[in-house]
N, C-alpha and C. Protein backbone atom coordinates (compact mmCIF):
# COMPACT_ATOMS: atom_id res chain seq x y z
N MET A 1 -78.07 -9.86 214.04
CA MET A 1 -78.68 -11.11 213.61
C MET A 1 -78.00 -11.63 212.35
N LYS A 2 -77.59 -10.73 211.48
CA LYS A 2 -76.93 -11.12 210.24
C LYS A 2 -75.62 -11.85 210.54
N GLU A 3 -74.92 -11.42 211.58
CA GLU A 3 -73.65 -12.05 211.93
C GLU A 3 -73.85 -13.48 212.43
N LEU A 4 -74.99 -13.74 213.04
CA LEU A 4 -75.26 -15.08 213.56
C LEU A 4 -75.35 -16.09 212.42
N PHE A 5 -76.01 -15.72 211.33
CA PHE A 5 -76.17 -16.64 210.21
C PHE A 5 -74.92 -16.74 209.36
N ALA A 6 -74.05 -15.77 209.44
CA ALA A 6 -72.83 -15.78 208.65
C ALA A 6 -71.68 -16.46 209.39
N ASP A 7 -71.88 -16.82 210.62
CA ASP A 7 -70.83 -17.43 211.43
C ASP A 7 -70.60 -18.87 210.98
N ALA A 8 -69.36 -19.22 210.67
CA ALA A 8 -69.03 -20.56 210.21
C ALA A 8 -69.24 -21.59 211.32
N ASN A 9 -69.03 -21.21 212.55
CA ASN A 9 -69.22 -22.16 213.65
C ASN A 9 -70.68 -22.57 213.80
N MET A 10 -71.60 -21.67 213.52
CA MET A 10 -73.02 -22.03 213.62
C MET A 10 -73.39 -23.07 212.57
N GLY A 11 -72.81 -22.99 211.41
CA GLY A 11 -73.04 -24.00 210.39
C GLY A 11 -72.54 -25.36 210.82
N LEU A 12 -71.38 -25.38 211.45
CA LEU A 12 -70.82 -26.62 211.95
C LEU A 12 -71.66 -27.19 213.08
N ILE A 13 -72.12 -26.33 213.96
CA ILE A 13 -72.98 -26.76 215.06
C ILE A 13 -74.29 -27.34 214.51
N GLY A 14 -74.85 -26.69 213.51
CA GLY A 14 -76.08 -27.20 212.89
C GLY A 14 -75.85 -28.54 212.22
N LEU A 15 -74.73 -28.70 211.55
CA LEU A 15 -74.41 -29.97 210.90
C LEU A 15 -74.28 -31.08 211.93
N ILE A 16 -73.59 -30.82 213.01
CA ILE A 16 -73.42 -31.81 214.07
C ILE A 16 -74.76 -32.14 214.71
N PHE A 17 -75.58 -31.12 214.96
CA PHE A 17 -76.90 -31.34 215.56
C PHE A 17 -77.76 -32.26 214.69
N PHE A 18 -77.84 -31.98 213.39
CA PHE A 18 -78.69 -32.79 212.52
C PHE A 18 -78.11 -34.18 212.31
N PHE A 19 -76.80 -34.31 212.31
CA PHE A 19 -76.19 -35.64 212.22
C PHE A 19 -76.52 -36.47 213.46
N LEU A 20 -76.41 -35.86 214.64
CA LEU A 20 -76.75 -36.58 215.86
C LEU A 20 -78.23 -36.91 215.92
N PHE A 21 -79.08 -36.01 215.44
CA PHE A 21 -80.51 -36.28 215.38
C PHE A 21 -80.79 -37.47 214.45
N PHE A 22 -80.13 -37.50 213.29
CA PHE A 22 -80.29 -38.60 212.35
C PHE A 22 -79.85 -39.92 212.99
N CYS A 23 -78.72 -39.91 213.69
CA CYS A 23 -78.23 -41.12 214.36
C CYS A 23 -79.20 -41.57 215.44
N ALA A 24 -79.79 -40.63 216.18
CA ALA A 24 -80.74 -40.98 217.23
C ALA A 24 -82.00 -41.62 216.63
N VAL A 25 -82.48 -41.08 215.53
CA VAL A 25 -83.66 -41.66 214.87
C VAL A 25 -83.32 -43.05 214.35
N LEU A 26 -82.15 -43.22 213.79
CA LEU A 26 -81.72 -44.53 213.30
C LEU A 26 -81.65 -45.55 214.42
N VAL A 27 -81.11 -45.17 215.56
CA VAL A 27 -81.04 -46.07 216.71
C VAL A 27 -82.44 -46.39 217.21
N TRP A 28 -83.33 -45.40 217.22
CA TRP A 28 -84.71 -45.62 217.68
C TRP A 28 -85.44 -46.61 216.77
N VAL A 29 -85.24 -46.49 215.48
CA VAL A 29 -85.92 -47.37 214.53
C VAL A 29 -85.36 -48.79 214.59
N MET A 30 -84.07 -48.92 214.78
CA MET A 30 -83.41 -50.22 214.77
C MET A 30 -83.28 -50.84 216.16
N ARG A 31 -83.98 -50.30 217.16
CA ARG A 31 -83.84 -50.81 218.52
C ARG A 31 -84.37 -52.25 218.61
N PRO A 32 -83.83 -53.02 219.55
CA PRO A 32 -84.29 -54.40 219.70
C PRO A 32 -85.77 -54.45 220.11
N GLY A 33 -86.48 -55.38 219.52
CA GLY A 33 -87.88 -55.56 219.87
C GLY A 33 -88.84 -54.73 219.03
N SER A 34 -88.33 -53.88 218.18
CA SER A 34 -89.23 -53.02 217.41
C SER A 34 -89.76 -53.71 216.15
N LYS A 35 -89.12 -54.78 215.73
CA LYS A 35 -89.53 -55.44 214.50
C LYS A 35 -90.96 -55.97 214.61
N GLU A 36 -91.30 -56.55 215.74
CA GLU A 36 -92.65 -57.08 215.93
C GLU A 36 -93.69 -55.96 215.92
N GLN A 37 -93.35 -54.85 216.54
CA GLN A 37 -94.28 -53.71 216.56
C GLN A 37 -94.51 -53.17 215.15
N TYR A 38 -93.44 -53.05 214.38
CA TYR A 38 -93.58 -52.55 213.01
C TYR A 38 -94.36 -53.54 212.15
N LYS A 39 -94.17 -54.83 212.39
CA LYS A 39 -94.91 -55.83 211.64
C LYS A 39 -96.41 -55.73 211.93
N ASN A 40 -96.75 -55.57 213.23
CA ASN A 40 -98.17 -55.42 213.60
C ASN A 40 -98.76 -54.15 213.00
N ASN A 41 -98.01 -53.06 213.02
CA ASN A 41 -98.51 -51.80 212.47
C ASN A 41 -98.68 -51.87 210.95
N SER A 42 -97.85 -52.64 210.28
CA SER A 42 -97.97 -52.73 208.82
C SER A 42 -99.20 -53.52 208.39
N GLU A 43 -99.74 -54.34 209.28
CA GLU A 43 -100.91 -55.15 208.94
C GLU A 43 -102.24 -54.47 209.29
N ILE A 44 -102.21 -53.28 209.85
CA ILE A 44 -103.43 -52.59 210.25
C ILE A 44 -104.39 -52.37 209.06
N PRO A 45 -103.91 -51.92 207.90
CA PRO A 45 -104.86 -51.71 206.79
C PRO A 45 -105.50 -53.00 206.28
N LEU A 46 -104.90 -54.14 206.54
CA LEU A 46 -105.42 -55.39 206.02
C LEU A 46 -106.42 -56.06 206.95
N LYS A 47 -106.52 -55.57 208.18
CA LYS A 47 -107.46 -56.17 209.13
C LYS A 47 -108.88 -55.73 208.84
N GLU A 48 -109.81 -56.68 208.93
CA GLU A 48 -111.21 -56.39 208.63
C GLU A 48 -112.08 -56.44 209.89
N ASP A 49 -111.49 -56.31 211.04
CA ASP A 49 -112.24 -56.39 212.31
C ASP A 49 -113.18 -55.21 212.49
N GLU A 50 -112.79 -54.08 212.00
CA GLU A 50 -113.55 -52.87 212.31
C GLU A 50 -114.33 -52.37 211.11
């Protein structure tokens, strides 16, 4: 198990994985049509309906 954490390739694989995860989250947040949804969600605390 100690050799697994000391392997330089595992560090590179982890870096690539987290970079791709970050890019996927960025694409998800910036996707077309999401601006209206985020605007509606930001106004939830200001609504007095409930």
